[in-house]
N, C-alpha and C. Protein backbone atom coordinates (compact mmCIF):
# COMPACT_ATOMS: atom_id res chain seq x y z
N MET A 1 -3.94 -13.29 -18.32
CA MET A 1 -4.05 -13.94 -17.02
C MET A 1 -5.16 -13.24 -16.24
N ASN A 2 -6.14 -13.98 -15.82
CA ASN A 2 -7.24 -13.46 -15.01
C ASN A 2 -6.96 -13.72 -13.55
N GLU A 3 -7.20 -12.70 -12.72
CA GLU A 3 -6.99 -12.82 -11.28
C GLU A 3 -8.20 -12.26 -10.56
N GLN A 4 -8.46 -12.82 -9.37
CA GLN A 4 -9.49 -12.25 -8.52
C GLN A 4 -8.92 -11.02 -7.83
N ASN A 5 -9.73 -10.02 -7.68
CA ASN A 5 -9.35 -8.85 -6.92
C ASN A 5 -9.55 -9.21 -5.45
N GLU A 6 -8.47 -9.22 -4.66
CA GLU A 6 -8.58 -9.66 -3.27
C GLU A 6 -9.48 -8.77 -2.44
N ASN A 7 -9.65 -7.50 -2.82
CA ASN A 7 -10.53 -6.60 -2.09
C ASN A 7 -11.98 -6.75 -2.52
N ASN A 8 -12.19 -7.33 -3.71
CA ASN A 8 -13.53 -7.55 -4.22
C ASN A 8 -13.52 -8.87 -4.98
N PRO A 9 -13.65 -10.01 -4.28
CA PRO A 9 -13.51 -11.34 -4.90
C PRO A 9 -14.44 -11.60 -6.07
N LYS A 10 -15.55 -10.88 -6.17
CA LYS A 10 -16.47 -11.09 -7.28
C LYS A 10 -15.95 -10.47 -8.58
N LYS A 11 -15.00 -9.55 -8.45
CA LYS A 11 -14.47 -8.85 -9.60
C LYS A 11 -13.24 -9.59 -10.13
N ILE A 12 -13.32 -10.06 -11.37
CA ILE A 12 -12.20 -10.74 -12.02
C ILE A 12 -11.46 -9.71 -12.86
N ILE A 13 -10.13 -9.70 -12.74
CA ILE A 13 -9.30 -8.73 -13.43
C ILE A 13 -8.46 -9.45 -14.49
N ASN A 14 -8.51 -8.97 -15.72
CA ASN A 14 -7.66 -9.49 -16.78
C ASN A 14 -6.39 -8.64 -16.79
N VAL A 15 -5.38 -9.11 -16.07
CA VAL A 15 -4.15 -8.35 -15.88
C VAL A 15 -3.45 -8.07 -17.20
N ASP A 16 -3.35 -9.09 -18.06
CA ASP A 16 -2.67 -8.92 -19.34
C ASP A 16 -3.33 -7.83 -20.18
N LYS A 17 -4.66 -7.82 -20.20
CA LYS A 17 -5.39 -6.82 -20.98
C LYS A 17 -5.14 -5.41 -20.41
N ILE A 18 -5.17 -5.29 -19.12
CA ILE A 18 -4.93 -3.99 -18.48
C ILE A 18 -3.53 -3.48 -18.80
N LEU A 19 -2.54 -4.37 -18.69
CA LEU A 19 -1.16 -3.98 -18.99
C LEU A 19 -1.03 -3.58 -20.46
N GLU A 20 -1.60 -4.38 -21.35
CA GLU A 20 -1.52 -4.11 -22.79
C GLU A 20 -2.15 -2.76 -23.13
N GLU A 21 -3.29 -2.48 -22.53
CA GLU A 21 -4.00 -1.22 -22.82
C GLU A 21 -3.30 -0.01 -22.21
N ASN A 22 -2.67 -0.19 -21.07
CA ASN A 22 -2.11 0.96 -20.35
C ASN A 22 -0.63 1.19 -20.58
N TYR A 23 0.08 0.22 -21.14
CA TYR A 23 1.52 0.37 -21.32
C TYR A 23 1.90 1.59 -22.18
N PRO A 24 1.25 1.79 -23.35
CA PRO A 24 1.61 2.97 -24.15
C PRO A 24 1.39 4.28 -23.39
N LYS A 25 0.31 4.34 -22.63
CA LYS A 25 0.02 5.54 -21.86
C LYS A 25 1.09 5.76 -20.79
N LEU A 26 1.51 4.67 -20.13
CA LEU A 26 2.55 4.76 -19.11
C LEU A 26 3.85 5.27 -19.72
N VAL A 27 4.26 4.71 -20.85
CA VAL A 27 5.50 5.13 -21.51
C VAL A 27 5.42 6.60 -21.88
N SER A 28 4.30 7.01 -22.45
CA SER A 28 4.11 8.41 -22.85
C SER A 28 4.20 9.35 -21.65
N ARG A 29 3.53 8.96 -20.57
CA ARG A 29 3.55 9.81 -19.37
C ARG A 29 4.92 9.86 -18.73
N LEU A 30 5.64 8.75 -18.73
CA LEU A 30 7.00 8.75 -18.21
C LEU A 30 7.89 9.66 -19.05
N GLN A 31 7.73 9.61 -20.36
CA GLN A 31 8.51 10.48 -21.24
C GLN A 31 8.18 11.95 -20.98
N GLU A 32 6.92 12.21 -20.72
CA GLU A 32 6.46 13.57 -20.40
C GLU A 32 7.21 14.12 -19.19
N HIS A 33 7.59 13.23 -18.29
CA HIS A 33 8.32 13.63 -17.08
C HIS A 33 9.81 13.30 -17.17
N GLY A 34 10.29 13.17 -18.39
CA GLY A 34 11.72 12.94 -18.60
C GLY A 34 12.21 11.64 -17.99
N GLY A 35 11.34 10.65 -17.85
CA GLY A 35 11.73 9.36 -17.26
C GLY A 35 11.82 9.38 -15.75
N ASP A 36 11.48 10.51 -15.13
CA ASP A 36 11.53 10.63 -13.67
C ASP A 36 10.26 10.02 -13.08
N PHE A 37 10.41 8.80 -12.53
CA PHE A 37 9.25 8.06 -12.04
C PHE A 37 8.56 8.77 -10.87
N LEU A 38 9.33 9.40 -9.98
CA LEU A 38 8.72 10.09 -8.84
C LEU A 38 7.88 11.26 -9.32
N SER A 39 8.40 12.01 -10.28
CA SER A 39 7.65 13.13 -10.84
C SER A 39 6.37 12.64 -11.51
N TYR A 40 6.49 11.56 -12.29
CA TYR A 40 5.32 10.93 -12.92
C TYR A 40 4.30 10.51 -11.86
N SER A 41 4.78 9.83 -10.82
CA SER A 41 3.89 9.31 -9.78
C SER A 41 3.14 10.41 -9.05
N LYS A 42 3.82 11.52 -8.81
CA LYS A 42 3.17 12.63 -8.11
C LYS A 42 2.00 13.19 -8.90
N GLN A 43 2.04 13.07 -10.22
CA GLN A 43 0.94 13.57 -11.04
C GLN A 43 -0.09 12.49 -11.36
N TYR A 44 0.35 11.26 -11.65
CA TYR A 44 -0.55 10.26 -12.20
C TYR A 44 -0.84 9.05 -11.32
N ASN A 45 -0.12 8.87 -10.25
CA ASN A 45 -0.28 7.63 -9.48
C ASN A 45 -0.58 7.92 -8.01
N ARG A 46 -1.40 8.91 -7.78
CA ARG A 46 -1.71 9.32 -6.41
C ARG A 46 -2.80 8.42 -5.82
N HIS A 47 -2.63 8.08 -4.55
CA HIS A 47 -3.62 7.29 -3.82
C HIS A 47 -3.76 7.92 -2.43
N ARG A 48 -5.01 8.26 -2.08
CA ARG A 48 -5.26 8.95 -0.81
C ARG A 48 -5.79 7.96 0.23
N LEU A 49 -5.16 7.98 1.39
CA LEU A 49 -5.63 7.21 2.54
C LEU A 49 -6.18 8.23 3.53
N GLU A 50 -7.46 8.06 3.88
CA GLU A 50 -8.15 9.02 4.74
C GLU A 50 -8.73 8.29 5.94
N ILE A 51 -8.47 8.83 7.12
CA ILE A 51 -8.98 8.24 8.36
C ILE A 51 -9.84 9.29 9.06
N THR A 52 -11.07 8.88 9.41
CA THR A 52 -11.96 9.79 10.12
C THR A 52 -12.60 9.04 11.29
N LEU A 53 -13.07 9.79 12.24
CA LEU A 53 -13.83 9.24 13.36
C LEU A 53 -15.20 9.93 13.33
N THR A 54 -16.23 9.12 13.10
CA THR A 54 -17.58 9.67 12.96
C THR A 54 -18.47 9.17 14.08
N ASN A 55 -19.20 10.09 14.70
CA ASN A 55 -20.17 9.75 15.72
C ASN A 55 -21.41 9.23 14.99
N GLU A 56 -21.69 7.93 15.11
CA GLU A 56 -22.79 7.34 14.37
C GLU A 56 -24.17 7.77 14.89
N GLN A 57 -24.26 8.30 16.11
CA GLN A 57 -25.54 8.78 16.61
C GLN A 57 -25.92 10.10 15.94
N THR A 58 -24.93 10.96 15.72
CA THR A 58 -25.20 12.27 15.16
C THR A 58 -24.80 12.39 13.69
N GLY A 59 -23.91 11.50 13.25
CA GLY A 59 -23.38 11.60 11.89
C GLY A 59 -22.27 12.62 11.76
N ASP A 60 -21.93 13.26 12.90
CA ASP A 60 -20.88 14.27 12.88
C ASP A 60 -19.51 13.61 12.87
N GLU A 61 -18.60 14.26 12.18
CA GLU A 61 -17.22 13.83 12.18
C GLU A 61 -16.57 14.41 13.43
N ASP A 62 -16.34 13.56 14.44
CA ASP A 62 -15.79 14.03 15.71
C ASP A 62 -14.31 14.36 15.62
N TRP A 63 -13.64 13.69 14.73
CA TRP A 63 -12.20 13.90 14.59
C TRP A 63 -11.94 14.13 13.13
N GLY A 64 -11.36 15.28 12.82
CA GLY A 64 -11.14 15.64 11.43
C GLY A 64 -10.34 14.61 10.66
N SER A 65 -10.49 14.67 9.38
CA SER A 65 -9.81 13.72 8.51
C SER A 65 -8.30 13.84 8.65
N ASN A 66 -7.68 12.69 8.69
CA ASN A 66 -6.23 12.62 8.60
C ASN A 66 -5.95 12.01 7.24
N ILE A 67 -5.43 12.81 6.33
CA ILE A 67 -5.24 12.38 4.95
C ILE A 67 -3.75 12.28 4.64
N LYS A 68 -3.38 11.16 4.05
CA LYS A 68 -2.03 10.95 3.56
C LYS A 68 -2.13 10.57 2.10
N VAL A 69 -1.28 11.15 1.27
CA VAL A 69 -1.28 10.84 -0.16
C VAL A 69 -0.01 10.05 -0.46
N PHE A 70 -0.20 8.95 -1.18
CA PHE A 70 0.90 8.10 -1.59
C PHE A 70 1.03 8.19 -3.10
N TYR A 71 2.26 8.07 -3.59
CA TYR A 71 2.50 8.13 -5.03
C TYR A 71 2.76 6.74 -5.59
N ASN A 72 2.33 5.75 -4.85
CA ASN A 72 2.54 4.37 -5.26
C ASN A 72 1.39 3.55 -4.70
N GLU A 73 0.69 2.84 -5.56
CA GLU A 73 -0.48 2.07 -5.15
C GLU A 73 -0.13 1.01 -4.11
N ASP A 74 0.96 0.28 -4.33
CA ASP A 74 1.37 -0.76 -3.38
C ASP A 74 1.67 -0.17 -2.02
N ASN A 75 2.31 0.98 -1.99
CA ASN A 75 2.64 1.64 -0.73
C ASN A 75 1.37 2.05 0.00
N ALA A 76 0.39 2.57 -0.74
CA ALA A 76 -0.88 2.96 -0.14
C ALA A 76 -1.58 1.74 0.45
N TYR A 77 -1.64 0.64 -0.32
CA TYR A 77 -2.28 -0.58 0.19
C TYR A 77 -1.55 -1.13 1.41
N SER A 78 -0.24 -1.09 1.38
CA SER A 78 0.54 -1.60 2.51
C SER A 78 0.25 -0.81 3.78
N HIS A 79 0.19 0.52 3.66
CA HIS A 79 -0.10 1.35 4.83
C HIS A 79 -1.52 1.11 5.32
N PHE A 80 -2.47 1.02 4.38
CA PHE A 80 -3.85 0.76 4.76
C PHE A 80 -3.97 -0.59 5.48
N ALA A 81 -3.34 -1.62 4.92
CA ALA A 81 -3.41 -2.95 5.53
C ALA A 81 -2.79 -2.95 6.92
N PHE A 82 -1.68 -2.24 7.08
CA PHE A 82 -1.03 -2.16 8.40
C PHE A 82 -1.98 -1.55 9.42
N ILE A 83 -2.58 -0.43 9.07
CA ILE A 83 -3.50 0.25 9.99
C ILE A 83 -4.70 -0.63 10.30
N ASP A 84 -5.26 -1.26 9.28
CA ASP A 84 -6.41 -2.13 9.46
C ASP A 84 -6.09 -3.31 10.38
N GLU A 85 -4.97 -3.97 10.13
CA GLU A 85 -4.57 -5.12 10.95
C GLU A 85 -4.21 -4.68 12.37
N MET A 86 -3.60 -3.50 12.51
CA MET A 86 -3.25 -3.00 13.84
C MET A 86 -4.52 -2.74 14.65
N LEU A 87 -5.55 -2.15 14.02
CA LEU A 87 -6.82 -1.93 14.72
C LEU A 87 -7.44 -3.25 15.15
N GLU A 88 -7.42 -4.24 14.27
CA GLU A 88 -7.95 -5.57 14.61
C GLU A 88 -7.20 -6.14 15.81
N LEU A 89 -5.89 -6.03 15.81
CA LEU A 89 -5.08 -6.53 16.92
C LEU A 89 -5.45 -5.83 18.23
N LEU A 90 -5.56 -4.52 18.19
CA LEU A 90 -5.86 -3.74 19.39
C LEU A 90 -7.27 -4.01 19.92
N LEU A 91 -8.16 -4.44 19.05
CA LEU A 91 -9.54 -4.71 19.46
C LEU A 91 -9.76 -6.13 19.97
N GLU A 92 -8.75 -7.00 19.81
CA GLU A 92 -8.89 -8.36 20.33
C GLU A 92 -9.02 -8.29 21.85
N GLU A 93 -9.84 -9.17 22.41
CA GLU A 93 -10.13 -9.16 23.84
C GLU A 93 -8.87 -9.09 24.70
N GLU A 94 -7.89 -9.89 24.38
CA GLU A 94 -6.67 -9.95 25.20
C GLU A 94 -5.80 -8.69 25.10
N ASN A 95 -6.11 -7.82 24.12
CA ASN A 95 -5.27 -6.63 23.91
C ASN A 95 -5.97 -5.32 24.26
N ARG A 96 -7.18 -5.39 24.73
CA ARG A 96 -7.97 -4.17 24.93
C ARG A 96 -7.47 -3.26 26.04
N ASP A 97 -6.59 -3.75 26.87
CA ASP A 97 -6.10 -2.93 27.98
C ASP A 97 -4.87 -2.09 27.62
N TRP A 98 -4.50 -2.05 26.35
CA TRP A 98 -3.32 -1.28 25.97
C TRP A 98 -3.50 0.19 26.36
N GLY A 99 -2.42 0.79 26.77
CA GLY A 99 -2.46 2.20 27.15
C GLY A 99 -3.11 2.49 28.48
N THR A 100 -3.42 1.45 29.26
CA THR A 100 -4.04 1.67 30.57
C THR A 100 -3.14 1.08 31.64
N ILE A 101 -3.51 1.31 32.87
CA ILE A 101 -2.76 0.77 34.01
C ILE A 101 -2.85 -0.76 34.06
N LEU A 102 -3.81 -1.33 33.34
CA LEU A 102 -3.99 -2.78 33.32
C LEU A 102 -3.08 -3.49 32.31
N ALA A 103 -2.41 -2.72 31.45
CA ALA A 103 -1.52 -3.33 30.45
C ALA A 103 -0.38 -4.06 31.15
N ASN A 104 0.09 -5.14 30.53
CA ASN A 104 1.22 -5.89 31.09
C ASN A 104 2.25 -6.15 30.00
N GLU A 105 3.37 -6.75 30.37
CA GLU A 105 4.46 -6.99 29.42
C GLU A 105 4.04 -7.91 28.27
N ALA A 106 3.21 -8.90 28.54
CA ALA A 106 2.78 -9.81 27.48
C ALA A 106 1.99 -9.04 26.41
N LEU A 107 1.14 -8.13 26.84
CA LEU A 107 0.37 -7.30 25.92
C LEU A 107 1.31 -6.42 25.10
N VAL A 108 2.24 -5.79 25.76
CA VAL A 108 3.20 -4.93 25.06
C VAL A 108 3.99 -5.75 24.04
N GLU A 109 4.41 -6.93 24.40
CA GLU A 109 5.17 -7.79 23.48
C GLU A 109 4.33 -8.21 22.28
N ARG A 110 3.05 -8.53 22.49
CA ARG A 110 2.18 -8.90 21.37
C ARG A 110 2.10 -7.76 20.36
N ILE A 111 1.91 -6.56 20.86
CA ILE A 111 1.79 -5.40 19.97
C ILE A 111 3.13 -5.10 19.29
N LEU A 112 4.22 -5.10 20.06
CA LEU A 112 5.52 -4.82 19.48
C LEU A 112 5.94 -5.90 18.48
N ASN A 113 5.63 -7.15 18.76
CA ASN A 113 5.96 -8.22 17.83
C ASN A 113 5.20 -8.06 16.52
N PHE A 114 3.94 -7.65 16.61
CA PHE A 114 3.15 -7.38 15.41
C PHE A 114 3.84 -6.31 14.57
N VAL A 115 4.19 -5.20 15.22
CA VAL A 115 4.84 -4.09 14.50
C VAL A 115 6.19 -4.55 13.95
N ARG A 116 6.97 -5.22 14.76
CA ARG A 116 8.29 -5.71 14.33
C ARG A 116 8.17 -6.58 13.08
N LYS A 117 7.20 -7.49 13.09
CA LYS A 117 7.00 -8.39 11.96
C LYS A 117 6.60 -7.60 10.71
N LYS A 118 5.74 -6.62 10.87
CA LYS A 118 5.24 -5.85 9.72
C LYS A 118 6.27 -4.91 9.12
N VAL A 119 7.15 -4.34 9.94
CA VAL A 119 8.08 -3.33 9.41
C VAL A 119 9.46 -3.88 9.10
N SER A 120 9.74 -5.11 9.49
CA SER A 120 11.04 -5.70 9.18
C SER A 120 11.13 -6.01 7.69
N PRO A 121 12.32 -5.85 7.12
CA PRO A 121 12.46 -6.15 5.68
C PRO A 121 12.19 -7.62 5.41
N PRO A 122 11.45 -7.91 4.33
CA PRO A 122 11.11 -9.30 4.02
C PRO A 122 12.29 -10.11 3.52
N LYS A 123 13.28 -9.44 2.95
CA LYS A 123 14.46 -10.12 2.42
C LYS A 123 15.69 -9.32 2.79
N LYS A 124 16.83 -9.98 2.67
CA LYS A 124 18.07 -9.25 2.86
C LYS A 124 18.19 -8.22 1.75
N LYS A 125 18.74 -7.07 2.08
CA LYS A 125 18.81 -5.97 1.13
C LYS A 125 19.49 -6.37 -0.17
N GLU A 126 20.55 -7.17 -0.10
CA GLU A 126 21.27 -7.53 -1.33
C GLU A 126 20.47 -8.48 -2.23
N GLU A 127 19.39 -9.07 -1.72
CA GLU A 127 18.56 -9.96 -2.53
C GLU A 127 17.45 -9.21 -3.27
N ILE A 128 17.23 -7.95 -2.94
CA ILE A 128 16.13 -7.19 -3.52
C ILE A 128 16.61 -6.45 -4.76
N ARG A 129 15.84 -6.59 -5.85
CA ARG A 129 16.17 -5.86 -7.08
C ARG A 129 15.83 -4.40 -6.88
N ASN A 130 16.73 -3.53 -7.33
CA ASN A 130 16.42 -2.11 -7.20
C ASN A 130 15.59 -1.64 -8.39
N PHE A 131 15.05 -0.47 -8.28
CA PHE A 131 14.14 0.06 -9.28
C PHE A 131 14.83 0.22 -10.63
N LYS A 132 16.09 0.64 -10.64
CA LYS A 132 16.84 0.81 -11.89
C LYS A 132 16.96 -0.52 -12.62
N GLU A 133 17.20 -1.61 -11.92
CA GLU A 133 17.29 -2.92 -12.55
C GLU A 133 15.97 -3.30 -13.22
N ILE A 134 14.87 -3.01 -12.56
CA ILE A 134 13.56 -3.33 -13.12
C ILE A 134 13.28 -2.49 -14.37
N ILE A 135 13.60 -1.19 -14.33
CA ILE A 135 13.40 -0.30 -15.48
C ILE A 135 14.28 -0.76 -16.65
N ASP A 136 15.55 -1.09 -16.37
CA ASP A 136 16.44 -1.58 -17.43
C ASP A 136 15.89 -2.84 -18.07
N GLU A 137 15.36 -3.74 -17.26
CA GLU A 137 14.77 -4.97 -17.78
C GLU A 137 13.57 -4.66 -18.67
N MET A 138 12.74 -3.71 -18.24
CA MET A 138 11.58 -3.32 -19.05
C MET A 138 12.03 -2.72 -20.38
N LYS A 139 13.07 -1.89 -20.37
CA LYS A 139 13.59 -1.28 -21.60
C LYS A 139 14.13 -2.35 -22.53
N ASN A 140 14.86 -3.32 -21.98
CA ASN A 140 15.39 -4.40 -22.79
C ASN A 140 14.28 -5.23 -23.42
N ASN A 141 13.24 -5.51 -22.66
CA ASN A 141 12.10 -6.27 -23.18
C ASN A 141 11.38 -5.48 -24.28
N GLU A 142 11.31 -4.16 -24.10
CA GLU A 142 10.67 -3.31 -25.10
C GLU A 142 11.47 -3.34 -26.40
N LYS A 143 12.81 -3.27 -26.29
CA LYS A 143 13.66 -3.31 -27.48
C LYS A 143 13.52 -4.65 -28.21
N LYS A 144 13.45 -5.75 -27.45
CA LYS A 144 13.30 -7.07 -28.05
C LYS A 144 11.98 -7.20 -28.79
N GLY A 145 10.96 -6.53 -28.29
CA GLY A 145 9.63 -6.61 -28.89
C GLY A 145 9.48 -5.79 -30.16
N SER A 146 10.38 -4.82 -30.38
CA SER A 146 10.22 -3.96 -31.57
C SER A 146 11.03 -4.43 -32.75
């Protein structure tokens, strides 16, 4: 299955090929960590989100890097997207007065509603498959394939 990379639409990704090539390596690395996915992720699935403020006139970094490391690619992308969309929201003309004496309740509600929508669970908890169920399904599929 070929998919466009949403961050780089010109780049086409063959998902099946990537999974096929990387699955043995994933299994081996998971075994190396005794099946502990968090331990595996801390070594092999790190993603760094870095935020800096640079003075474009001087090229100096006015505000030191704020670096957060995630052990899950989806989690890193989710946090990055949240920050990116929040900045876009705050820069909209109608929202530029946030944090000043000119802010009003409508502005506060727009910002809070954005945050509320982004951090609220997308589904009821009982409808979400837990990680153990997904791993068990993968193991069963692996057994069927051998």
